[in-house]
Amino acid sequence: MTIALIGFAILLLLIILVRVPIAFAMGLVGFFGFAVLQGLTFENFMDFRWTGALSMAANRVVDTSQDYGLSVIPLFILMGNLVTQSGLSQELYQASNAFLGHRKGGLSMATVVACGGFSAICGSSLATSATMAKVAMPPMRKFGYSDSLATASIAAGGTLGILIPPSVILVIYGLLTETSIRELFAAGFLPGFLGILLYLAAVRYVVWRKPEEGPRGEKMDWPQRINALKGVWGVLTLFIVVMGGIYIGIFTPTEAAGIGAGGALVIALARRSLTLGTFFLAVADTGRTTAMLFAVLIGALIFSDFINRAGLPEELLTFVSSLDIGPMGVILVILGIYIVLGMVFESLSMVLLTVPIFYPLVQSLGFDLVWFGIVVVVVTEISLITPPVGMNVFVLSAVLRDVNPATIFRGVTPFWCADIVRLALITFIAPISLILPQLLYR
C-alpha cells in the first residue's frame, strides 16, 4: 500500500511539475514500481535481475499492439477524420439552424444539436469543438450573439464527443475494465441525448436572463427546412448503419468501425470533397492520434499492473469497509475526487490514471461496471470545460484567437451546471444508462 501511494505521488509530480508526457510517466512509474515490489533497492540497483519487470512491460507492449479488439480505435478515428474532410459539419449546422435558428438563442441551440450529431460520427470532443468553431462562430457573430454564449455553446457541445457513441474514451474504458464495448455504446446513447436537452435548457436560461446575448435569427419556411435536411443524409445513414448494426448484433464494434471508415470514405468520394492530399492528411492524422493513444494505453496498463501487484485496490476496499458510509457514499467520494482532478487533468488522463484503481473497488461493492463507465465519462466531460484546464476552452481559444479564455470560461458556467444535474440524474437513476443494454443484450 505504501509503495503504491508513493508511486502515485511520484507519477503526479512527473506529470504536473516535471511535465513528463503521461504515457512515459505511467510507464516509468509502473516499470520501476513493479521492480521495487520484486526487491529492487538503491543498494542492489546495479546487480538487480530485471527479468520480471522487463517481461511484464514487454508483454504489455506486444499484447496491446496485437490485440484485435484495439483496431476499433484507429478505424473510428479514421472515420471521424474522413467525415471532417468531407465537410459534413457544415450541413449538420445548416440543418439544425433551419429548425432552431429563428428562436431566441436559436443559433446556439443549433450549434449544440450539430455538435451532438457530429460527435456521433467523429467521437472526439476536441475535434468537434475545433471544427464547429469554424462553422458556427461566423453566423452567430453576424446576428450579434455575445462571444461568451457563442463560444460556450461550441465548447459545451463539443464535450458530447466523448460520450455519444462511437466514443474512443468508452472503448478505452472497456479495454481497461474488460467490459463489453457494445453495452457501453448502448448505455451512452440516452445520457448523451439527455446532455443535449440540458444544454438546450442552459441556452434558454442564458437568453431568458439576457435576451440581447442571443437574438433571433432568420426564420426559414418548410421547403427550405426539408432542403437543409438533404445535406445530412450521409451522417444519418452512416450512424444508423454503424450503431444500429452494433445494437442489433449484426456485427461487432470492430467490424462496425471498419464499415464506418469505409462508409465515410464512400461518402467523401461521392461528395467530391476528398482529394489525394486531404486523404493522406486524414490518414496521417489518424496514425498520429492512434500512436499517441496506444502509447498512453500501454503506459496505463503497465502502471495498472504495478498498483494491482501492490494490492492497492484490496487496501482501498478494506479502508472503505472500515468507514461508516454506504456504497453510494463511496461513489460520491469517487465523484468528488474526479471533480477535483478535473481542475488539473484532461479527460483521457483522468480515465487512465484512476479507472485501474477504482473499478475493482466499485465492482466489489456490487455496482454495474457499464453504469460506472458512463458515470466516469460524464464526470470527466465536465473537466473539458472547467478551469484551469478546460481542454475544449483552450482549443477554441487557439482557433478563435480574438476571444479571451476568460470569456469562454464565464460563458460555460450554465453548461457545466447542466452537466452536474445530468451527473446527479445518471448516478442516482441507474436505468437511464442501463435500460438499453438490458433490453438489447441481457
Protein backbone atom coordinates (compact mmCIF):
# COMPACT_ATOMS: atom_id res chain seq x y z
CA MET A 1 0.00 0.00 0.00
CA THR A 2 2.78 2.44 0.93
CA ILE A 3 4.77 1.64 -2.22
CA ALA A 4 1.65 2.12 -4.36
CA LEU A 5 0.87 5.51 -2.80
CA ILE A 6 4.49 6.64 -3.18
CA GLY A 7 4.37 5.56 -6.82
CA PHE A 8 1.15 7.50 -7.40
CA ALA A 9 2.68 10.62 -5.78
CA ILE A 10 5.80 10.32 -7.97
CA LEU A 11 3.52 9.96 -11.01
CA LEU A 12 1.68 13.19 -10.20
CA LEU A 13 4.98 15.01 -9.66
CA LEU A 14 6.32 13.80 -13.01
CA ILE A 15 3.17 14.90 -14.84
CA ILE A 16 2.47 18.21 -13.09
CA LEU A 17 5.91 19.55 -12.14
CA VAL A 18 8.39 17.89 -14.50
CA ARG A 19 5.87 17.90 -17.39
CA VAL A 20 6.75 14.36 -18.48
CA PRO A 21 4.19 13.09 -21.04
CA ILE A 22 1.59 10.96 -19.28
CA ALA A 23 2.36 7.85 -21.36
CA PHE A 24 6.03 7.83 -20.35
CA ALA A 25 5.31 8.88 -16.76
CA MET A 26 2.88 5.99 -16.18
CA GLY A 27 5.16 3.51 -17.96
CA LEU A 28 8.25 4.53 -15.95
CA VAL A 29 6.49 4.54 -12.57
CA GLY A 30 4.78 1.24 -13.33
CA PHE A 31 8.01 -0.41 -14.51
CA PHE A 32 10.21 0.71 -11.61
CA GLY A 33 7.40 0.25 -9.09
CA PHE A 34 6.97 -3.35 -10.26
CA ALA A 35 10.72 -3.84 -9.88
CA VAL A 36 10.65 -2.43 -6.33
CA LEU A 37 7.96 -4.94 -5.42
CA GLN A 38 10.32 -7.66 -6.67
CA GLY A 39 13.13 -6.47 -4.42
CA LEU A 40 14.82 -3.53 -6.18
CA THR A 41 16.64 -1.13 -3.81
CA PHE A 42 19.25 1.60 -4.15
CA GLU A 43 21.89 -0.78 -2.85
CA ASN A 44 21.28 -3.58 -5.38
CA PHE A 45 20.36 -1.39 -8.37
CA MET A 46 23.38 -2.47 -10.46
CA ASP A 47 23.08 -6.16 -9.56
CA PHE A 48 19.28 -6.45 -9.67
CA ARG A 49 17.76 -9.00 -12.06
CA TRP A 50 15.31 -7.02 -14.18
CA THR A 51 13.77 -10.08 -15.85
CA GLY A 52 10.36 -9.84 -14.16
CA ALA A 53 9.79 -6.14 -14.77
CA LEU A 54 11.10 -6.32 -18.35
CA SER A 55 8.93 -9.34 -19.08
CA MET A 56 5.83 -7.59 -17.71
CA ALA A 57 6.45 -4.42 -19.75
CA ALA A 58 7.32 -6.35 -22.92
CA ASN A 59 4.21 -8.49 -22.65
CA ARG A 60 2.05 -5.37 -22.26
CA VAL A 61 3.59 -3.76 -25.36
CA VAL A 62 3.28 -6.90 -27.51
CA ASP A 63 -0.19 -7.94 -26.30
CA THR A 64 -1.61 -4.43 -26.70
CA SER A 65 -0.12 -3.97 -30.16
CA GLN A 66 -1.51 -7.31 -31.32
CA ASP A 67 -4.94 -7.01 -29.70
CA TYR A 68 -7.53 -7.36 -32.47
CA GLY A 69 -10.14 -5.52 -30.41
CA LEU A 70 -7.97 -2.40 -30.31
CA SER A 71 -8.25 -1.98 -34.09
CA VAL A 72 -11.58 -0.29 -33.34
CA ILE A 73 -9.65 2.83 -32.21
CA PRO A 74 -7.80 3.75 -35.45
CA LEU A 75 -10.83 2.80 -37.56
CA PHE A 76 -13.24 5.05 -35.65
CA ILE A 77 -10.64 7.86 -35.66
CA LEU A 78 -10.22 7.45 -39.44
CA MET A 79 -14.00 7.55 -39.86
CA GLY A 80 -14.17 10.83 -37.95
CA ASN A 81 -11.29 12.35 -39.93
CA LEU A 82 -12.87 11.40 -43.26
CA VAL A 83 -16.21 12.86 -42.15
CA THR A 84 -14.44 16.07 -41.18
CA GLN A 85 -12.68 16.26 -44.54
CA SER A 86 -15.96 15.71 -46.39
CA GLY A 87 -17.44 18.91 -44.92
CA LEU A 88 -20.48 17.29 -43.31
CA SER A 89 -20.19 19.56 -40.27
CA GLN A 90 -21.43 22.50 -42.36
CA GLU A 91 -24.55 20.60 -43.46
CA LEU A 92 -25.29 19.48 -39.92
CA TYR A 93 -25.16 23.05 -38.69
CA GLN A 94 -27.35 24.30 -41.56
CA ALA A 95 -29.98 21.61 -40.86
CA SER A 96 -30.04 22.43 -37.14
CA ASN A 97 -30.17 26.15 -37.87
CA ALA A 98 -33.13 25.68 -40.26
CA PHE A 99 -35.28 24.37 -37.40
CA LEU A 100 -33.92 26.30 -34.41
CA GLY A 101 -32.24 29.47 -35.68
CA HIS A 102 -35.36 31.68 -35.53
CA ARG A 103 -35.72 31.25 -31.76
CA LYS A 104 -34.02 33.32 -29.07
CA GLY A 105 -30.64 31.71 -28.65
CA GLY A 106 -31.55 29.52 -31.61
CA LEU A 107 -28.15 29.65 -33.27
CA SER A 108 -26.55 28.45 -30.04
CA MET A 109 -29.14 25.68 -29.82
CA ALA A 110 -28.40 24.74 -33.42
CA THR A 111 -24.71 24.60 -32.54
CA VAL A 112 -25.35 22.21 -29.63
CA VAL A 113 -27.51 19.92 -31.79
CA ALA A 114 -24.97 19.99 -34.63
CA CYS A 115 -22.17 19.17 -32.16
CA GLY A 116 -24.20 16.20 -30.93
CA GLY A 117 -24.71 14.95 -34.48
CA PHE A 118 -21.09 15.46 -35.43
CA SER A 119 -19.96 13.74 -32.22
CA ALA A 120 -21.99 10.69 -33.21
CA ILE A 121 -19.62 10.20 -36.13
CA CYS A 122 -16.41 11.88 -35.01
CA GLY A 123 -16.07 10.54 -31.45
CA SER A 124 -13.63 13.27 -30.41
CA SER A 125 -14.53 16.26 -28.25
CA LEU A 126 -11.52 18.35 -29.27
CA ALA A 127 -12.06 17.71 -32.99
CA THR A 128 -15.76 18.55 -32.65
CA SER A 129 -15.00 21.85 -30.90
CA ALA A 130 -12.32 22.88 -33.40
CA THR A 131 -14.48 22.00 -36.41
CA MET A 132 -17.71 23.57 -35.19
CA ALA A 133 -15.89 26.76 -34.17
CA LYS A 134 -15.11 27.42 -37.83
CA VAL A 135 -18.66 26.57 -38.91
CA ALA A 136 -20.88 28.11 -36.21
CA MET A 137 -19.00 31.15 -34.93
CA PRO A 138 -19.31 33.40 -38.05
CA PRO A 139 -23.15 33.26 -38.30
CA MET A 140 -23.55 33.77 -34.55
CA ARG A 141 -21.38 36.86 -34.72
CA LYS A 142 -23.31 38.04 -37.77
CA PHE A 143 -26.56 38.05 -35.78
CA GLY A 144 -25.00 39.78 -32.76
CA TYR A 145 -24.52 36.89 -30.35
CA SER A 146 -22.25 37.59 -27.40
CA ASP A 147 -18.87 35.88 -27.61
CA SER A 148 -19.44 34.25 -24.23
CA LEU A 149 -22.65 32.45 -25.28
CA ALA A 150 -21.42 31.63 -28.78
CA THR A 151 -18.13 30.09 -27.67
CA ALA A 152 -19.68 28.39 -24.63
CA SER A 153 -22.24 26.57 -26.79
CA ILE A 154 -19.42 25.29 -29.02
CA ALA A 155 -17.18 24.28 -26.10
CA ALA A 156 -20.01 22.55 -24.22
CA GLY A 157 -21.47 20.92 -27.31
CA GLY A 158 -18.02 19.56 -28.12
CA THR A 159 -17.90 17.64 -24.83
CA LEU A 160 -20.62 15.33 -26.16
CA GLY A 161 -17.95 13.72 -28.35
CA ILE A 162 -16.54 11.56 -25.55
CA LEU A 163 -19.93 10.06 -24.61
CA ILE A 164 -22.15 9.76 -27.68
CA PRO A 165 -21.18 6.51 -29.46
CA PRO A 166 -18.81 5.77 -31.08
CA SER A 167 -16.62 7.11 -28.27
CA VAL A 168 -12.89 6.40 -28.04
CA ILE A 169 -12.97 7.02 -24.27
CA LEU A 170 -15.67 4.35 -23.86
CA VAL A 171 -13.57 1.93 -25.93
CA ILE A 172 -10.53 2.55 -23.70
CA TYR A 173 -12.64 2.19 -20.53
CA GLY A 174 -14.00 -1.10 -21.86
CA LEU A 175 -10.49 -2.38 -22.53
CA LEU A 176 -9.21 -1.33 -19.09
CA THR A 177 -12.11 -2.99 -17.25
CA GLU A 178 -12.83 -5.85 -19.69
CA THR A 179 -16.38 -4.53 -20.10
CA SER A 180 -18.47 -5.10 -23.24
CA ILE A 181 -17.89 -2.21 -25.64
CA ARG A 182 -21.24 -2.66 -27.37
CA GLU A 183 -23.01 -2.47 -23.97
CA LEU A 184 -21.08 0.72 -23.19
CA PHE A 185 -22.09 2.20 -26.56
CA ALA A 186 -25.73 1.34 -25.87
CA ALA A 187 -25.50 2.78 -22.35
CA GLY A 188 -24.05 6.06 -23.62
CA PHE A 189 -26.89 6.86 -26.02
CA LEU A 190 -29.58 8.10 -23.61
CA PRO A 191 -27.18 10.06 -21.34
CA GLY A 192 -25.76 11.70 -24.47
CA PHE A 193 -29.25 12.68 -25.63
CA LEU A 194 -30.03 13.94 -22.12
CA GLY A 195 -26.88 16.06 -22.31
CA ILE A 196 -28.14 17.74 -25.50
CA LEU A 197 -31.51 18.53 -23.88
CA LEU A 198 -29.89 20.01 -20.77
CA TYR A 199 -27.52 22.12 -22.86
CA LEU A 200 -30.52 23.48 -24.78
CA ALA A 201 -32.09 24.33 -21.43
CA ALA A 202 -28.87 26.13 -20.43
CA VAL A 203 -29.07 28.25 -23.59
CA ARG A 204 -32.69 29.10 -22.83
CA TYR A 205 -31.70 30.12 -19.32
CA VAL A 206 -28.98 32.46 -20.62
CA VAL A 207 -31.25 34.22 -23.13
CA TRP A 208 -34.06 34.39 -20.55
CA ARG A 209 -31.75 36.37 -18.24
CA LYS A 210 -30.11 38.42 -21.01
CA PRO A 211 -32.09 38.33 -24.28
CA GLU A 212 -29.52 40.53 -26.01
CA GLU A 213 -26.90 37.76 -25.81
CA GLY A 214 -28.81 35.51 -28.24
CA PRO A 215 -31.03 37.38 -30.72
CA ARG A 216 -33.38 35.58 -33.08
CA GLY A 217 -32.04 34.54 -36.47
CA GLU A 218 -33.84 34.24 -39.80
CA LYS A 219 -36.90 32.02 -39.93
CA MET A 220 -36.97 29.52 -42.78
CA ASP A 221 -40.08 28.08 -44.39
CA TRP A 222 -40.72 24.35 -44.56
CA PRO A 223 -39.39 23.81 -48.11
CA GLN A 224 -36.10 25.37 -47.01
CA ARG A 225 -36.01 23.16 -43.92
CA ILE A 226 -36.63 20.00 -45.93
CA ASN A 227 -33.94 21.06 -48.38
CA ALA A 228 -31.48 21.59 -45.50
CA LEU A 229 -32.12 18.03 -44.29
CA LYS A 230 -30.94 16.63 -47.62
CA GLY A 231 -27.39 17.55 -46.73
CA VAL A 232 -27.26 15.30 -43.64
CA TRP A 233 -28.38 12.04 -45.21
CA GLY A 234 -24.77 10.81 -45.19
CA VAL A 235 -24.35 11.31 -41.43
CA LEU A 236 -27.71 9.76 -40.62
CA THR A 237 -27.12 6.75 -42.86
CA LEU A 238 -23.62 6.15 -41.53
CA PHE A 239 -24.75 6.46 -37.89
CA ILE A 240 -27.74 4.14 -38.39
CA VAL A 241 -25.66 1.50 -40.17
CA VAL A 242 -22.73 1.58 -37.74
CA MET A 243 -24.55 1.91 -34.42
CA GLY A 244 -27.68 0.04 -35.50
CA GLY A 245 -25.53 -2.88 -36.60
CA ILE A 246 -23.78 -2.95 -33.22
CA TYR A 247 -27.00 -2.62 -31.21
CA ILE A 248 -28.85 -5.31 -33.15
CA GLY A 249 -25.84 -7.60 -33.12
CA ILE A 250 -25.27 -7.86 -36.88
CA PHE A 251 -21.57 -7.13 -36.39
CA THR A 252 -19.07 -6.45 -33.62
CA PRO A 253 -17.78 -2.97 -32.71
CA THR A 254 -14.54 -3.74 -34.56
CA GLU A 255 -16.41 -4.76 -37.71
CA ALA A 256 -18.66 -1.71 -37.32
CA ALA A 257 -15.60 0.54 -37.15
CA GLY A 258 -14.32 -0.91 -40.42
CA ILE A 259 -17.71 -0.45 -42.08
CA GLY A 260 -17.89 3.10 -40.69
CA ALA A 261 -14.45 4.03 -42.04
CA GLY A 262 -15.30 2.53 -45.43
CA GLY A 263 -18.68 4.26 -45.46
CA ALA A 264 -17.12 7.62 -44.58
CA LEU A 265 -14.67 7.19 -47.47
CA VAL A 266 -17.52 6.41 -49.88
CA ILE A 267 -19.49 9.46 -48.70
CA ALA A 268 -16.46 11.73 -49.03
CA LEU A 269 -15.77 10.44 -52.55
CA ALA A 270 -19.44 10.77 -53.55
CA ARG A 271 -19.45 14.39 -52.39
CA ARG A 272 -16.22 15.02 -54.33
CA SER A 273 -14.80 16.72 -51.27
CA LEU A 274 -11.82 14.39 -50.87
CA THR A 275 -8.60 14.96 -52.77
CA LEU A 276 -5.46 12.84 -52.66
CA GLY A 277 -3.87 15.46 -50.39
CA THR A 278 -6.74 15.62 -47.90
CA PHE A 279 -6.97 11.81 -47.89
CA PHE A 280 -3.32 11.47 -46.90
CA LEU A 281 -3.84 14.26 -44.35
CA ALA A 282 -6.71 12.27 -42.77
CA VAL A 283 -4.66 9.05 -42.75
CA ALA A 284 -1.58 10.78 -41.29
CA ASP A 285 -3.65 12.42 -38.55
CA THR A 286 -5.23 9.03 -37.78
CA GLY A 287 -1.76 7.49 -37.46
CA ARG A 288 -0.50 10.22 -35.12
CA THR A 289 -3.60 10.10 -32.91
CA THR A 290 -3.58 6.30 -32.78
CA ALA A 291 0.12 6.17 -31.88
CA MET A 292 -0.48 8.67 -29.06
CA LEU A 293 -3.47 6.72 -27.70
CA PHE A 294 -1.65 3.38 -27.88
CA ALA A 295 1.39 4.83 -26.08
CA VAL A 296 -0.83 6.21 -23.33
CA LEU A 297 -2.80 2.97 -23.10
CA ILE A 298 0.34 0.82 -22.82
CA GLY A 299 1.72 3.13 -20.13
CA ALA A 300 -1.58 2.92 -18.24
CA LEU A 301 -1.63 -0.88 -18.40
CA ILE A 302 1.95 -1.10 -17.07
CA PHE A 303 1.01 1.27 -14.24
CA SER A 304 -2.13 -0.82 -13.62
CA ASP A 305 -0.04 -3.99 -13.29
CA PHE A 306 2.08 -2.23 -10.67
CA ILE A 307 -0.79 -0.97 -8.49
CA ASN A 308 -2.61 -4.31 -8.73
CA ARG A 309 0.55 -6.17 -7.72
CA ALA A 310 0.98 -3.71 -4.83
CA GLY A 311 -2.52 -4.55 -3.64
CA LEU A 312 -3.89 -1.01 -3.76
CA PRO A 313 -7.45 -2.00 -4.84
CA GLU A 314 -7.71 -4.52 -2.00
CA GLU A 315 -6.39 -2.00 0.51
CA LEU A 316 -8.89 0.58 -0.73
CA LEU A 317 -11.72 -1.91 -0.25
CA THR A 318 -10.53 -2.63 3.30
CA PHE A 319 -10.28 1.09 4.05
CA VAL A 320 -13.75 1.83 2.64
CA SER A 321 -15.24 -1.09 4.57
CA SER A 322 -13.92 0.44 7.79
CA LEU A 323 -15.73 3.72 7.10
CA ASP A 324 -19.28 4.31 8.21
CA ILE A 325 -20.61 5.11 4.71
CA GLY A 326 -22.71 3.04 2.34
CA PRO A 327 -21.80 2.02 -1.21
CA MET A 328 -23.39 5.15 -2.71
CA GLY A 329 -21.34 7.25 -0.29
CA VAL A 330 -18.22 5.66 -1.77
CA ILE A 331 -19.39 6.59 -5.27
CA LEU A 332 -19.95 10.19 -4.17
CA VAL A 333 -16.42 10.33 -2.73
CA ILE A 334 -15.04 8.99 -6.03
CA LEU A 335 -17.00 11.61 -7.98
CA GLY A 336 -15.64 14.32 -5.70
CA ILE A 337 -12.11 13.10 -6.46
CA TYR A 338 -12.86 13.23 -10.20
CA ILE A 339 -14.18 16.78 -9.98
CA VAL A 340 -11.04 17.92 -8.14
CA LEU A 341 -8.75 16.08 -10.60
CA GLY A 342 -10.68 17.68 -13.47
CA MET A 343 -9.24 21.03 -12.45
CA VAL A 344 -5.73 19.71 -13.21
CA PHE A 345 -6.03 16.84 -15.72
CA GLU A 346 -7.85 16.42 -19.01
CA SER A 347 -10.37 13.62 -19.53
CA LEU A 348 -8.20 10.86 -21.04
CA SER A 349 -5.51 11.30 -18.39
CA MET A 350 -8.08 11.04 -15.60
CA VAL A 351 -9.61 7.87 -17.01
CA LEU A 352 -6.26 6.16 -17.46
CA LEU A 353 -4.95 7.23 -14.05
CA THR A 354 -7.99 6.41 -11.94
CA VAL A 355 -10.05 3.66 -13.55
CA PRO A 356 -7.50 0.87 -12.82
CA ILE A 357 -7.62 1.91 -9.15
CA PHE A 358 -11.34 2.49 -8.75
CA TYR A 359 -13.06 -0.15 -10.87
CA PRO A 360 -12.11 -3.20 -8.70
CA LEU A 361 -13.46 -1.32 -5.67
CA VAL A 362 -16.69 -0.35 -7.46
CA GLN A 363 -17.16 -3.90 -8.75
CA SER A 364 -16.64 -5.37 -5.27
CA LEU A 365 -19.36 -3.07 -3.92
CA GLY A 366 -21.85 -4.61 -6.35
CA PHE A 367 -22.18 -1.79 -8.89
CA ASP A 368 -22.54 -2.42 -12.62
CA LEU A 369 -19.31 -1.55 -14.44
CA VAL A 370 -21.25 -0.41 -17.53
CA TRP A 371 -23.12 2.12 -15.36
CA PHE A 372 -19.88 3.18 -13.68
CA GLY A 373 -18.27 3.69 -17.08
CA ILE A 374 -20.98 6.16 -18.12
CA VAL A 375 -20.72 7.96 -14.77
CA VAL A 376 -16.94 8.25 -15.19
CA VAL A 377 -17.23 9.60 -18.74
CA VAL A 378 -19.88 12.15 -17.75
CA VAL A 379 -17.84 13.43 -14.79
CA THR A 380 -14.71 13.65 -16.95
CA GLU A 381 -16.73 15.56 -19.56
CA ILE A 382 -17.07 18.33 -17.01
CA SER A 383 -13.27 18.67 -16.88
CA LEU A 384 -13.27 19.68 -20.57
CA ILE A 385 -14.96 23.00 -19.79
CA THR A 386 -13.89 23.78 -16.21
CA PRO A 387 -10.93 26.00 -15.27
CA PRO A 388 -7.99 25.96 -15.13
CA VAL A 389 -7.50 23.03 -17.55
CA GLY A 390 -10.57 23.07 -19.81
CA MET A 391 -9.18 21.48 -22.97
CA ASN A 392 -12.18 22.45 -25.14
CA VAL A 393 -11.86 26.04 -23.97
CA PHE A 394 -8.19 26.24 -24.93
CA VAL A 395 -8.84 24.57 -28.28
CA LEU A 396 -11.44 27.25 -29.01
CA SER A 397 -9.09 29.97 -27.81
CA ALA A 398 -6.45 28.67 -30.24
CA VAL A 399 -8.92 28.61 -33.15
CA LEU A 400 -10.58 31.94 -32.22
CA ARG A 401 -7.54 33.99 -31.29
CA ASP A 402 -9.57 37.17 -30.68
CA VAL A 403 -11.56 35.55 -27.84
CA ASN A 404 -10.07 35.50 -24.35
CA PRO A 405 -10.24 32.14 -22.49
CA ALA A 406 -11.76 34.00 -19.51
CA THR A 407 -14.71 35.00 -21.72
CA ILE A 408 -15.31 31.36 -22.66
CA PHE A 409 -14.96 30.12 -19.08
CA ARG A 410 -17.51 32.73 -17.97
CA GLY A 411 -19.94 31.62 -20.66
CA VAL A 412 -19.74 27.89 -19.92
CA THR A 413 -20.86 28.21 -16.29
CA PRO A 414 -24.55 27.40 -17.02
CA PHE A 415 -23.44 24.46 -19.15
CA TRP A 416 -21.29 22.75 -16.55
CA CYS A 417 -24.12 23.35 -14.06
CA ALA A 418 -26.31 21.42 -16.50
CA ASP A 419 -23.64 18.72 -16.53
CA ILE A 420 -23.78 18.48 -12.74
CA VAL A 421 -27.56 17.97 -12.98
CA ARG A 422 -27.04 15.23 -15.58
CA LEU A 423 -24.35 13.57 -13.47
CA ALA A 424 -26.71 13.51 -10.47
CA LEU A 425 -29.52 12.01 -12.54
CA ILE A 426 -27.31 9.30 -14.04
CA THR A 427 -25.72 8.49 -10.67
CA PHE A 428 -28.95 8.14 -8.70
CA ILE A 429 -31.16 6.80 -11.52
CA ALA A 430 -29.11 3.95 -12.97
CA PRO A 431 -31.78 2.84 -15.54
CA ILE A 432 -31.02 5.96 -17.59
CA SER A 433 -27.74 4.28 -18.51
CA LEU A 434 -28.68 0.61 -18.21
CA ILE A 435 -32.11 0.35 -19.83
CA LEU A 436 -30.80 0.00 -23.39
CA PRO A 437 -28.07 -2.57 -22.58
CA GLN A 438 -30.57 -4.58 -20.55
CA LEU A 439 -33.17 -4.52 -23.32
CA LEU A 440 -30.69 -5.40 -26.07
CA TYR A 441 -28.19 -7.79 -24.51
CA ARG A 442 -29.27 -9.13 -21.11
